[in-house]
PDB file of N, CA and C in Angstrom:
ATOM      1  N   MET A   1      66.777  63.151 130.268  1.00  0.00           N
ATOM      2  CA  MET A   1      67.457  64.309 130.797  1.00  0.00           C
ATOM      3  C   MET A   1      68.931  64.316 130.384  1.00  0.00           C
ATOM      4  N   VAL A   2      69.577  63.155 130.491  1.00  0.00           N
ATOM      5  CA  VAL A   2      70.993  63.055 130.144  1.00  0.00           C
ATOM      6  C   VAL A   2      71.172  63.268 128.639  1.00  0.00           C
ATOM      7  N   ASP A   3      70.246  62.719 127.852  1.00  0.00           N
ATOM      8  CA  ASP A   3      70.306  62.895 126.401  1.00  0.00           C
ATOM      9  C   ASP A   3      70.154  64.366 126.029  1.00  0.00           C
ATOM     10  N   GLU A   4      69.269  65.063 126.709  1.00  0.00           N
ATOM     11  CA  GLU A   4      69.065  66.482 126.443  1.00  0.00           C
ATOM     12  C   GLU A   4      70.315  67.284 126.790  1.00  0.00           C
ATOM     13  N   LEU A   5      70.960  66.925 127.887  1.00  0.00           N
ATOM     14  CA  LEU A   5      72.197  67.614 128.269  1.00  0.00           C
ATOM     15  C   LEU A   5      73.313  67.337 127.260  1.00  0.00           C
ATOM     16  N   ASN A   6      73.394  66.092 126.783  1.00  0.00           N
ATOM     17  CA  ASN A   6      74.391  65.755 125.768  1.00  0.00           C
ATOM     18  C   ASN A   6      74.120  66.507 124.466  1.00  0.00           C
ATOM     19  N   ASP A   7      72.848  66.594 124.091  1.00  0.00           N
ATOM     20  CA  ASP A   7      72.475  67.347 122.884  1.00  0.00           C
ATOM     21  C   ASP A   7      72.817  68.826 123.057  1.00  0.00           C
ATOM     22  N   LEU A   8      72.528  69.369 124.235  1.00  0.00           N
ATOM     23  CA  LEU A   8      72.833  70.766 124.518  1.00  0.00           C
ATOM     24  C   LEU A   8      74.346  71.009 124.460  1.00  0.00           C
ATOM     25  N   ARG A   9      75.109  70.104 125.015  1.00  0.00           N
ATOM     26  CA  ARG A   9      76.570  70.225 124.993  1.00  0.00           C
ATOM     27  C   ARG A   9      77.082  70.188 123.558  1.00  0.00           C
ATOM     28  N   LYS A  10      76.558  69.286 122.756  1.00  0.00           N
ATOM     29  CA  LYS A  10      76.958  69.202 121.356  1.00  0.00           C
ATOM     30  C   LYS A  10      76.586  70.481 120.606  1.00  0.00           C
ATOM     31  N   ASP A  11      75.392  70.999 120.875  1.00  0.00           N
ATOM     32  CA  ASP A  11      74.956  72.241 120.226  1.00  0.00           C
ATOM     33  C   ASP A  11      75.847  73.421 120.621  1.00  0.00           C
ATOM     34  N   VAL A  12      76.217  73.492 121.899  1.00  0.00           N
ATOM     35  CA  VAL A  12      77.086  74.575 122.365  1.00  0.00           C
ATOM     36  C   VAL A  12      78.461  74.449 121.730  1.00  0.00           C
ATOM     37  N   GLN A  13      79.010  73.237 121.654  1.00  0.00           N
ATOM     38  CA  GLN A  13      80.308  73.036 121.028  1.00  0.00           C
ATOM     39  C   GLN A  13      80.260  73.404 119.548  1.00  0.00           C
ATOM     40  N   GLU A  14      79.178  73.016 118.889  1.00  0.00           N
ATOM     41  CA  GLU A  14      79.024  73.345 117.479  1.00  0.00           C
ATOM     42  C   GLU A  14      78.902  74.863 117.286  1.00  0.00           C
ATOM     43  N   TYR A  15      78.147  75.509 118.168  1.00  0.00           N
ATOM     44  CA  TYR A  15      77.985  76.962 118.102  1.00  0.00           C
ATOM     45  C   TYR A  15      79.326  77.662 118.294  1.00  0.00           C
ATOM     46  N   ILE A  16      80.107  77.208 119.265  1.00  0.00           N
ATOM     47  CA  ILE A  16      81.426  77.804 119.521  1.00  0.00           C
ATOM     48  C   ILE A  16      82.335  77.592 118.311  1.00  0.00           C
ATOM     49  N   GLY A  17      82.288  76.406 117.722  1.00  0.00           N
ATOM     50  CA  GLY A  17      83.097  76.134 116.529  1.00  0.00           C
ATOM     51  C   GLY A  17      82.722  77.035 115.366  1.00  0.00           C
ATOM     52  N   VAL A  18      81.427  77.217 115.145  1.00  0.00           N
ATOM     53  CA  VAL A  18      80.962  78.090 114.067  1.00  0.00           C
ATOM     54  C   VAL A  18      81.350  79.539 114.350  1.00  0.00           C
ATOM     55  N   LYS A  19      81.213  79.963 115.596  1.00  0.00           N
ATOM     56  CA  LYS A  19      81.577  81.335 115.977  1.00  0.00           C
ATOM     57  C   LYS A  19      83.068  81.575 115.748  1.00  0.00           C
ATOM     58  N   LEU A  20      83.917  80.601 116.101  1.00  0.00           N
ATOM     59  CA  LEU A  20      85.351  80.726 115.862  1.00  0.00           C
ATOM     60  C   LEU A  20      85.663  80.793 114.365  1.00  0.00           C
ATOM     61  N   ASP A  21      84.940  80.017 113.561  1.00  0.00           N
ATOM     62  CA  ASP A  21      85.125  80.077 112.107  1.00  0.00           C
ATOM     63  C   ASP A  21      84.763  81.455 111.563  1.00  0.00           C
ATOM     64  N   VAL A  22      83.682  82.031 112.062  1.00  0.00           N
ATOM     65  CA  VAL A  22      83.265  83.368 111.628  1.00  0.00           C
ATOM     66  C   VAL A  22      84.328  84.402 112.008  1.00  0.00           C
ATOM     67  N   ILE A  23      84.869  84.286 113.215  1.00  0.00           N
ATOM     68  CA  ILE A  23      85.925  85.216 113.661  1.00  0.00           C
ATOM     69  C   ILE A  23      87.154  85.067 112.767  1.00  0.00           C
ATOM     70  N   ARG A  24      87.530  83.824 112.450  1.00  0.00           N
ATOM     71  CA  ARG A  24      88.681  83.594 111.570  1.00  0.00           C
ATOM     72  C   ARG A  24      88.441  84.184 110.183  1.00  0.00           C
ATOM     73  N   LEU A  25      87.231  84.032 109.677  1.00  0.00           N
ATOM     74  CA  LEU A  25      86.914  84.592 108.359  1.00  0.00           C
ATOM     75  C   LEU A  25      87.000  86.110 108.367  1.00  0.00           C
ATOM     76  N   HIS A  26      86.498  86.747 109.415  1.00  0.00           N
ATOM     77  CA  HIS A  26      86.579  88.210 109.515  1.00  0.00           C
ATOM     78  C   HIS A  26      88.034  88.660 109.616  1.00  0.00           C
ATOM     79  N   MET A  27      88.832  87.944 110.382  1.00  0.00           N
ATOM     80  CA  MET A  27      90.252  88.292 110.497  1.00  0.00           C
ATOM     81  C   MET A  27      90.959  88.120 109.158  1.00  0.00           C
ATOM     82  N   ALA A  28      90.658  87.034 108.461  1.00  0.00           N
ATOM     83  CA  ALA A  28      91.281  86.798 107.157  1.00  0.00           C
ATOM     84  C   ALA A  28      90.875  87.886 106.167  1.00  0.00           C
ATOM     85  N   GLU A  29      89.616  88.279 106.211  1.00  0.00           N
ATOM     86  CA  GLU A  29      89.147  89.346 105.322  1.00  0.00           C
ATOM     87  C   GLU A  29      89.868  90.653 105.625  1.00  0.00           C
ATOM     88  N   ASN A  30      89.957  91.004 106.897  1.00  0.00           N
ATOM     89  CA  ASN A  30      90.624  92.250 107.271  1.00  0.00           C
ATOM     90  C   ASN A  30      92.110  92.218 106.914  1.00  0.00           C
ATOM     91  N   LEU A  31      92.781  91.103 107.198  1.00  0.00           N
ATOM     92  CA  LEU A  31      94.201  91.003 106.875  1.00  0.00           C
ATOM     93  C   LEU A  31      94.444  91.058 105.374  1.00  0.00           C
ATOM     94  N   SER A  32      93.617  90.378 104.604  1.00  0.00           N
ATOM     95  CA  SER A  32      93.795  90.413 103.151  1.00  0.00           C
ATOM     96  C   SER A  32      93.527  91.810 102.607  1.00  0.00           C
ATOM     97  N   ARG A  33      92.556  92.514 103.169  1.00  0.00           N
ATOM     98  CA  ARG A  33      92.281  93.884 102.752  1.00  0.00           C
ATOM     99  C   ARG A  33      93.471  94.784 103.083  1.00  0.00           C
ATOM    100  N   ILE A  34      94.042  94.612 104.267  1.00  0.00           N
ATOM    101  CA  ILE A  34      95.193  95.421 104.674  1.00  0.00           C
ATOM    102  C   ILE A  34      96.391  95.131 103.774  1.00  0.00           C
ATOM    103  N   PHE A  35      96.695  93.856 103.543  1.00  0.00           N
ATOM    104  CA  PHE A  35      97.846  93.503 102.708  1.00  0.00           C
ATOM    105  C   PHE A  35      97.670  93.980 101.269  1.00  0.00           C
ATOM    106  N   SER A  36      96.458  93.886 100.736  1.00  0.00           N
ATOM    107  CA  SER A  36      96.249  94.361  99.365  1.00  0.00           C
ATOM    108  C   SER A  36      96.399  95.879  99.297  1.00  0.00           C
ATOM    109  N   ASN A  37      95.934  96.590 100.318  1.00  0.00           N
ATOM    110  CA  ASN A  37      96.104  98.040 100.333  1.00  0.00           C
ATOM    111  C   ASN A  37      97.572  98.430 100.468  1.00  0.00           C
ATOM    112  N   VAL A  38      98.315  97.705 101.288  1.00  0.00           N
ATOM    113  CA  VAL A  38      99.743  97.988 101.444  1.00  0.00           C
ATOM    114  C   VAL A  38     100.480  97.706 100.131  1.00  0.00           C
ATOM    115  N   ALA A  39     100.167  96.601  99.493  1.00  0.00           N
ATOM    116  CA  ALA A  39     100.819  96.272  98.222  1.00  0.00           C
ATOM    117  C   ALA A  39     100.478  97.303  97.150  1.00  0.00           C
ATOM    118  N   THR A  40      99.229  97.713  97.091  1.00  0.00           N
ATOM    119  CA  THR A  40      98.821  98.729  96.121  1.00  0.00           C
ATOM    120  C   THR A  40      99.528 100.050  96.390  1.00  0.00           C
ATOM    121  N   ALA A  41      99.605 100.431  97.662  1.00  0.00           N
ATOM    122  CA  ALA A  41     100.290 101.674  98.015  1.00  0.00           C
ATOM    123  C   ALA A  41     101.774 101.595  97.682  1.00  0.00           C
ATOM    124  N   ALA A  42     102.396 100.442  97.894  1.00  0.00           N
ATOM    125  CA  ALA A  42     103.824 100.293  97.604  1.00  0.00           C
ATOM    126  C   ALA A  42     104.093 100.408  96.102  1.00  0.00           C
ATOM    127  N   VAL A  43     103.315  99.726  95.294  1.00  0.00           N
ATOM    128  CA  VAL A  43     103.508  99.790  93.846  1.00  0.00           C
ATOM    129  C   VAL A  43     103.201 101.193  93.335  1.00  0.00           C
ATOM    130  N   THR A  44     102.121 101.781  93.806  1.00  0.00           N
ATOM    131  CA  THR A  44     101.769 103.141  93.399  1.00  0.00           C
ATOM    132  C   THR A  44     102.855 104.126  93.813  1.00  0.00           C
ATOM    133  N   GLY A  45     103.349 103.984  95.036  1.00  0.00           N
ATOM    134  CA  GLY A  45     104.407 104.870  95.514  1.00  0.00           C
ATOM    135  C   GLY A  45     105.679 104.736  94.693  1.00  0.00           C
ATOM    136  N   TYR A  46     106.047 103.514  94.357  1.00  0.00           N
ATOM    137  CA  TYR A  46     107.244 103.282  93.552  1.00  0.00           C
ATOM    138  C   TYR A  46     107.103 103.912  92.173  1.00  0.00           C
ATOM    139  N   LEU A  47     105.971 103.684  91.529  1.00  0.00           N
ATOM    140  CA  LEU A  47     105.756 104.251  90.196  1.00  0.00           C
ATOM    141  C   LEU A  47     105.675 105.776  90.251  1.00  0.00           C
ATOM    142  N   LEU A  48     105.039 106.307  91.280  1.00  0.00           N
ATOM    143  CA  LEU A  48     104.964 107.753  91.451  1.00  0.00           C
ATOM    144  C   LEU A  48     106.361 108.335  91.671  1.00  0.00           C
ATOM    145  N   PHE A  49     107.192 107.636  92.436  1.00  0.00           N
ATOM    146  CA  PHE A  49     108.571 108.073  92.645  1.00  0.00           C
ATOM    147  C   PHE A  49     109.305 108.175  91.313  1.00  0.00           C
ATOM    148  N   LEU A  50     109.151 107.154  90.451  1.00  0.00           N
ATOM    149  CA  LEU A  50     109.825 107.182  89.154  1.00  0.00           C
ATOM    150  C   LEU A  50     109.335 108.347  88.300  1.00  0.00           C
ATOM    151  N   VAL A  51     108.027 108.572  88.301  1.00  0.00           N
ATOM    152  CA  VAL A  51     107.466 109.679  87.523  1.00  0.00           C
ATOM    153  C   VAL A  51     108.021 111.012  88.030  1.00  0.00           C
ATOM    154  N   ILE A  52     108.003 111.208  89.339  1.00  0.00           N
ATOM    155  CA  ILE A  52     108.499 112.463  89.908  1.00  0.00           C
ATOM    156  C   ILE A  52     109.992 112.631  89.633  1.00  0.00           C
ATOM    157  N   MET A  53     110.741 111.540  89.706  1.00  0.00           N
ATOM    158  CA  MET A  53     112.175 111.616  89.453  1.00  0.00           C
ATOM    159  C   MET A  53     112.454 112.079  88.023  1.00  0.00           C
ATOM    160  N   PHE A  54     111.763 111.484  87.047  1.00  0.00           N
ATOM    161  CA  PHE A  54     112.015 111.864  85.659  1.00  0.00           C
ATOM    162  C   PHE A  54     111.492 113.268  85.354  1.00  0.00           C
ATOM    163  N   ILE A  55     110.386 113.644  85.966  1.00  0.00           N
ATOM    164  CA  ILE A  55     109.902 115.019  85.796  1.00  0.00           C
ATOM    165  C   ILE A  55     110.894 116.006  86.408  1.00  0.00           C
ATOM    166  N   SER A  56     111.496 115.621  87.537  1.00  0.00           N
ATOM    167  CA  SER A  56     112.498 116.478  88.169  1.00  0.00           C
ATOM    168  C   SER A  56     113.723 116.641  87.283  1.00  0.00           C
ATOM    169  N   PHE A  57     114.174 115.555  86.671  1.00  0.00           N
ATOM    170  CA  PHE A  57     115.301 115.658  85.741  1.00  0.00           C
ATOM    171  C   PHE A  57     114.948 116.579  84.569  1.00  0.00           C
ATOM    172  N   ALA A  58     113.753 116.385  84.022  1.00  0.00           N
ATOM    173  CA  ALA A  58     113.337 117.221  82.897  1.00  0.00           C
ATOM    174  C   ALA A  58     113.255 118.687  83.318  1.00  0.00           C
ATOM    175  N   ALA A  59     112.684 118.942  84.500  1.00  0.00           N
ATOM    176  CA  ALA A  59     112.587 120.320  84.982  1.00  0.00           C
ATOM    177  C   ALA A  59     113.971 120.904  85.233  1.00  0.00           C
ATOM    178  N   GLY A  60     114.864 120.122  85.801  1.00  0.00           N
ATOM    179  CA  GLY A  60     116.227 120.598  86.042  1.00  0.00           C
ATOM    180  C   GLY A  60     116.937 120.974  84.756  1.00  0.00           C
ATOM    181  N   PHE A  61     116.814 120.124  83.741  1.00  0.00           N
ATOM    182  CA  PHE A  61     117.457 120.437  82.465  1.00  0.00           C
ATOM    183  C   PHE A  61     116.773 121.625  81.779  1.00  0.00           C
ATOM    184  N   PHE A  62     115.446 121.697  81.879  1.00  0.00           N
ATOM    185  CA  PHE A  62     114.721 122.803  81.249  1.00  0.00           C
ATOM    186  C   PHE A  62     115.102 124.134  81.900  1.00  0.00           C
ATOM    187  N   ILE A  63     115.054 124.188  83.227  1.00  0.00           N
ATOM    188  CA  ILE A  63     115.412 125.425  83.931  1.00  0.00           C
ATOM    189  C   ILE A  63     116.889 125.747  83.684  1.00  0.00           C
ATOM    190  N   GLY A  64     117.725 124.717  83.673  1.00  0.00           N
ATOM    191  CA  GLY A  64     119.142 124.917  83.380  1.00  0.00           C
ATOM    192  C   GLY A  64     119.366 125.492  81.996  1.00  0.00           C
ATOM    193  N   HIS A  65     118.584 125.022  81.037  1.00  0.00           N
ATOM    194  CA  HIS A  65     118.688 125.553  79.675  1.00  0.00           C
ATOM    195  C   HIS A  65     118.264 127.015  79.640  1.00  0.00           C
ATOM    196  N   GLN A  66     117.202 127.343  80.375  1.00  0.00           N
ATOM    197  CA  GLN A  66     116.719 128.727  80.408  1.00  0.00           C
ATOM    198  C   GLN A  66     117.731 129.654  81.090  1.00  0.00           C
ATOM    199  N   LEU A  67     118.427 129.138  82.100  1.00  0.00           N
ATOM    200  CA  LEU A  67     119.393 129.950  82.855  1.00  0.00           C
ATOM    201  C   LEU A  67     120.824 129.797  82.326  1.00  0.00           C
ATOM    202  N   ASN A  68     120.983 128.991  81.271  1.00  0.00           N
ATOM    203  CA  ASN A  68     122.298 128.692  80.695  1.00  0.00           C
ATOM    204  C   ASN A  68     123.238 128.054  81.709  1.00  0.00           C
ATOM    205  N   SER A  69     122.687 127.283  82.656  1.00  0.00           N
ATOM    206  CA  SER A  69     123.514 126.594  83.648  1.00  0.00           C
ATOM    207  C   SER A  69     122.718 125.425  84.214  1.00  0.00           C
ATOM    208  N   ASN A  70     123.138 124.207  83.884  1.00  0.00           N
ATOM    209  CA  ASN A  70     122.444 123.024  84.417  1.00  0.00           C
ATOM    210  C   ASN A  70     122.509 122.987  85.932  1.00  0.00           C
ATOM    211  N   GLU A  71     123.626 123.449  86.488  1.00  0.00           N
ATOM    212  CA  GLU A  71     123.762 123.448  87.947  1.00  0.00           C
ATOM    213  C   GLU A  71     122.680 124.301  88.603  1.00  0.00           C
ATOM    214  N   LEU A  72     122.449 125.490  88.061  1.00  0.00           N
ATOM    215  CA  LEU A  72     121.400 126.358  88.619  1.00  0.00           C
ATOM    216  C   LEU A  72     120.017 125.754  88.426  1.00  0.00           C
ATOM    217  N   GLY A  73     119.816 125.065  87.311  1.00  0.00           N
ATOM    218  CA  GLY A  73     118.525 124.416  87.071  1.00  0.00           C
ATOM    219  C   GLY A  73     118.236 123.356  88.119  1.00  0.00           C
ATOM    220  N   PHE A  74     119.240 122.514  88.390  1.00  0.00           N
ATOM    221  CA  PHE A  74     119.042 121.473  89.396  1.00  0.00           C
ATOM    222  C   PHE A  74     118.998 122.054  90.804  1.00  0.00           C
ATOM    223  N   LEU A  75     119.696 123.150  91.017  1.00  0.00           N
ATOM    224  CA  LEU A  75     119.624 123.829  92.308  1.00  0.00           C
ATOM    225  C   LEU A  75     118.220 124.397  92.541  1.00  0.00           C
ATOM    226  N   CYS A  76     117.600 124.924  91.511  1.00  0.00           N
ATOM    227  CA  CYS A  76     116.216 125.425  91.629  1.00  0.00           C
ATOM    228  C   CYS A  76     115.252 124.282  91.953  1.00  0.00           C
ATOM    229  N   VAL A  77     115.428 123.143  91.283  1.00  0.00           N
ATOM    230  CA  VAL A  77     114.574 121.986  91.554  1.00  0.00           C
ATOM    231  C   VAL A  77     114.780 121.505  92.989  1.00  0.00           C
ATOM    232  N   ALA A  78     116.031 121.461  93.441  1.00  0.00           N
ATOM    233  CA  ALA A  78     116.327 121.058  94.825  1.00  0.00           C
ATOM    234  C   ALA A  78     115.712 122.051  95.807  1.00  0.00           C
ATOM    235  N   GLY A  79     115.771 123.331  95.497  1.00  0.00           N
ATOM    236  CA  GLY A  79     115.148 124.350  96.353  1.00  0.00           C
ATOM    237  C   GLY A  79     113.642 124.152  96.446  1.00  0.00           C
ATOM    238  N   PHE A  80     113.024 123.807  95.330  1.00  0.00           N
ATOM    239  CA  PHE A  80     111.591 123.535  95.326  1.00  0.00           C
ATOM    240  C   PHE A  80     111.274 122.362  96.253  1.00  0.00           C
ATOM    241  N   TYR A  81     112.079 121.292  96.166  1.00  0.00           N
ATOM    242  CA  TYR A  81     111.844 120.134  97.035  1.00  0.00           C
ATOM    243  C   TYR A  81     112.116 120.457  98.501  1.00  0.00           C
ATOM    244  N   LEU A  82     113.081 121.318  98.768  1.00  0.00           N
ATOM    245  CA  LEU A  82     113.331 121.749 100.137  1.00  0.00           C
ATOM    246  C   LEU A  82     112.133 122.523 100.681  1.00  0.00           C
ATOM    247  N   LEU A  83     111.586 123.413  99.880  1.00  0.00           N
ATOM    248  CA  LEU A  83     110.387 124.157 100.285  1.00  0.00           C
ATOM    249  C   LEU A  83     109.217 123.209 100.520  1.00  0.00           C
ATOM    250  N   LEU A  84     109.059 122.231  99.639  1.00  0.00           N
ATOM    251  CA  LEU A  84     108.000 121.229  99.785  1.00  0.00           C
ATOM    252  C   LEU A  84     108.188 120.432 101.074  1.00  0.00           C
ATOM    253  N   LEU A  85     109.432 120.080 101.405  1.00  0.00           N
ATOM    254  CA  LEU A  85     109.729 119.362 102.637  1.00  0.00           C
ATOM    255  C   LEU A  85     109.359 120.187 103.862  1.00  0.00           C
ATOM    256  N   LEU A  86     109.684 121.453 103.856  1.00  0.00           N
ATOM    257  CA  LEU A  86     109.368 122.320 104.993  1.00  0.00           C
ATOM    258  C   LEU A  86     107.859 122.458 105.185  1.00  0.00           C
ATOM    259  N   VAL A  87     107.117 122.605 104.099  1.00  0.00           N
ATOM    260  CA  VAL A  87     105.649 122.684 104.187  1.00  0.00           C
ATOM    261  C   VAL A  87     105.096 121.367 104.706  1.00  0.00           C
ATOM    262  N   PHE A  88     105.632 120.262 104.214  1.00  0.00           N
ATOM    263  CA  PHE A  88     105.182 118.942 104.664  1.00  0.00           C
ATOM    264  C   PHE A  88     105.425 118.754 106.161  1.00  0.00           C
ATOM    265  N   LEU A  89     106.622 119.118 106.624  1.00  0.00           N
ATOM    266  CA  LEU A  89     106.935 118.971 108.048  1.00  0.00           C
ATOM    267  C   LEU A  89     106.052 119.858 108.910  1.00  0.00           C
ATOM    268  N   ALA A  90     105.706 121.021 108.409  1.00  0.00           N
ATOM    269  CA  ALA A  90     104.860 121.932 109.183  1.00  0.00           C
ATOM    270  C   ALA A  90     103.430 121.406 109.313  1.00  0.00           C
ATOM    271  N   PHE A  91     102.939 120.725 108.294  1.00  0.00           N
ATOM    272  CA  PHE A  91     101.548 120.273 108.287  1.00  0.00           C
ATOM    273  C   PHE A  91     101.414 118.753 108.302  1.00  0.00           C
ATOM    274  N   ARG A  92     102.429 118.030 108.798  1.00  0.00           N
ATOM    275  CA  ARG A  92     102.416 116.566 108.717  1.00  0.00           C
ATOM    276  C   ARG A  92     101.284 115.929 109.506  1.00  0.00           C
ATOM    277  N   LYS A  93     100.866 116.536 110.622  1.00  0.00           N
ATOM    278  CA  LYS A  93      99.769 115.931 111.395  1.00  0.00           C
ATOM    279  C   LYS A  93      98.482 115.919 110.582  1.00  0.00           C
ATOM    280  N   HIS A  94      98.220 117.009 109.863  1.00  0.00           N
ATOM    281  CA  HIS A  94      96.992 117.087 109.066  1.00  0.00           C
ATOM    282  C   HIS A  94      97.114 116.319 107.759  1.00  0.00           C
ATOM    283  N   ILE A  95      98.324 116.254 107.205  1.00  0.00           N
ATOM    284  CA  ILE A  95      98.515 115.610 105.908  1.00  0.00           C
ATOM    285  C   ILE A  95      98.657 114.102 106.040  1.00  0.00           C
ATOM    286  N   VAL A  96      99.362 113.637 107.089  1.00  0.00           N
ATOM    287  CA  VAL A  96      99.684 112.213 107.180  1.00  0.00           C
ATOM    288  C   VAL A  96      99.035 111.536 108.371  1.00  0.00           C
ATOM    289  N   GLU A  97      99.299 112.009 109.569  1.00  0.00           N
ATOM    290  CA  GLU A  97      98.919 111.266 110.768  1.00  0.00           C
ATOM    291  C   GLU A  97      97.413 111.021 110.869  1.00  0.00           C
ATOM    292  N   LYS A  98      96.615 112.054 110.773  1.00  0.00           N
ATOM    293  CA  LYS A  98      95.167 111.871 110.918  1.00  0.00           C
ATOM    294  C   LYS A  98      94.569 111.006 109.810  1.00  0.00           C
ATOM    295  N   PRO A  99      94.913 111.231 108.528  1.00  0.00           N
ATOM    296  CA  PRO A  99      94.360 110.344 107.499  1.00  0.00           C
ATOM    297  C   PRO A  99      94.808 108.888 107.644  1.00  0.00           C
ATOM    298  N   VAL A 100      96.051 108.658 108.071  1.00  0.00           N
ATOM    299  CA  VAL A 100      96.530 107.274 108.248  1.00  0.00           C
ATOM    300  C   VAL A 100      95.763 106.605 109.381  1.00  0.00           C
ATOM    301  N   ILE A 101      95.588 107.307 110.482  1.00  0.00           N
ATOM    302  CA  ILE A 101      94.832 106.744 111.602  1.00  0.00           C
ATOM    303  C   ILE A 101      93.408 106.435 111.171  1.00  0.00           C
ATOM    304  N   ARG A 102      92.788 107.364 110.456  1.00  0.00           N
ATOM    305  CA  ARG A 102      91.413 107.160 109.987  1.00  0.00           C
ATOM    306  C   ARG A 102      91.329 105.954 109.047  1.00  0.00           C
ATOM    307  N   THR A 103      92.296 105.826 108.139  1.00  0.00           N
ATOM    308  CA  THR A 103      92.290 104.720 107.178  1.00  0.00           C
ATOM    309  C   THR A 103      92.482 103.378 107.869  1.00  0.00           C
ATOM    310  N   VAL A 104      93.417 103.312 108.811  1.00  0.00           N
ATOM    311  CA  VAL A 104      93.642 102.051 109.545  1.00  0.00           C
ATOM    312  C   VAL A 104      92.405 101.672 110.332  1.00  0.00           C
ATOM    313  N   MET A 105      91.773 102.648 110.962  1.00  0.00           N
ATOM    314  CA  MET A 105      90.552 102.361 111.725  1.00  0.00           C
ATOM    315  C   MET A 105      89.450 101.838 110.798  1.00  0.00           C
ATOM    316  N   LYS A 106      89.325 102.415 109.604  1.00  0.00           N
ATOM    317  CA  LYS A 106      88.313 101.944 108.656  1.00  0.00           C
ATOM    318  C   LYS A 106      88.629 100.539 108.158  1.00  0.00           C
ATOM    319  N   LEU A 107      89.924 100.241 107.978  1.00  0.00           N
ATOM    320  CA  LEU A 107      90.296  98.903 107.522  1.00  0.00           C
ATOM    321  C   LEU A 107      90.038  97.851 108.593  1.00  0.00           C
ATOM    322  N   LEU A 108      90.401  98.169 109.821  1.00  0.00           N
ATOM    323  CA  LEU A 108      90.232  97.192 110.897  1.00  0.00           C
ATOM    324  C   LEU A 108      88.804  97.125 111.412  1.00  0.00           C
ATOM    325  N   PHE A 109      88.119  98.260 111.398  1.00  0.00           N
ATOM    326  CA  PHE A 109      86.753  98.335 111.909  1.00  0.00           C
ATOM    327  C   PHE A 109      85.881  99.018 110.856  1.00  0.00           C
ATOM    328  N   PRO A 110      85.338  98.246 109.904  1.00  0.00           N
ATOM    329  CA  PRO A 110      84.569  98.845 108.801  1.00  0.00           C
ATOM    330  C   PRO A 110      83.384  99.699 109.261  1.00  0.00           C
ATOM    331  N   ASN A 111      82.836  99.437 110.434  1.00  0.00           N
ATOM    332  CA  ASN A 111      81.686 100.207 110.911  1.00  0.00           C
ATOM    333  C   ASN A 111      82.097 101.395 111.759  1.00  0.00           C
ATOM    334  N   PHE A 112      83.400 101.713 111.789  1.00  0.00           N
ATOM    335  CA  PHE A 112      83.933 102.810 112.592  1.00  0.00           C
ATOM    336  C   PHE A 112      83.414 104.135 112.055  1.00  0.00           C
ATOM    337  N   GLU A 113      82.919 104.978 112.971  1.00  0.00           N
ATOM    338  CA  GLU A 113      82.466 106.320 112.603  1.00  0.00           C
ATOM    339  C   GLU A 113      83.439 107.325 113.189  1.00  0.00           C
ATOM    340  N   ASP A 114      83.884 108.249 112.365  1.00  0.00           N
ATOM    341  CA  ASP A 114      84.834 109.259 112.805  1.00  0.00           C
ATOM    342  C   ASP A 114      84.084 110.369 113.527  1.00  0.00           C
ATOM    343  N   ASP A 115      84.471 110.651 114.778  1.00  0.00           N
ATOM    344  CA  ASP A 115      83.798 111.673 115.565  1.00  0.00           C
ATOM    345  C   ASP A 115      84.039 113.073 115.019  1.00  0.00           C
ATOM    346  N   GLU A 116      85.161 113.299 114.319  1.00  0.00           N
ATOM    347  CA  GLU A 116      85.482 114.621 113.808  1.00  0.00           C
ATOM    348  C   GLU A 116      84.569 115.035 112.659  1.00  0.00           C
ATOM    349  N   LYS A 117      83.982 114.069 111.962  1.00  0.00           N
ATOM    350  CA  LYS A 117      83.124 114.404 110.811  1.00  0.00           C
ATOM    351  C   LYS A 117      81.736 114.822 111.257  1.00  0.00           C
ATOM    352  N   LYS A 118      81.374 114.519 112.489  1.00  0.00           N
ATOM    353  CA  LYS A 118      80.024 114.836 112.958  1.00  0.00           C
ATOM    354  C   LYS A 118      79.881 116.291 113.286  1.00  0.00           C
TER     355      LYS A 118
END
């Protein structure tokens, strides 16, 4: 009887140890997935910023050449970005907040089902 209880105790301790290892592995997987996504987004965002910046310079000079005034060309580009900012602020919940929440939920809980899609 005592041997059986000792065996049971050892089995329970081993089971708890294995369960903790599985939890650690899942956490490590989720954290590594999150960090890789953040790093990818940061590099992509930086490169996209550079592309947009140089396209903006080119557009400013092109429009300035067409209007015979570089100042007006860059003012038109700035006006475009101001309009883009206003549209973004008006629709930020649909453009940013909901997709970010959905993405974080999918990263942390891979089996998460979005109720809005049903």
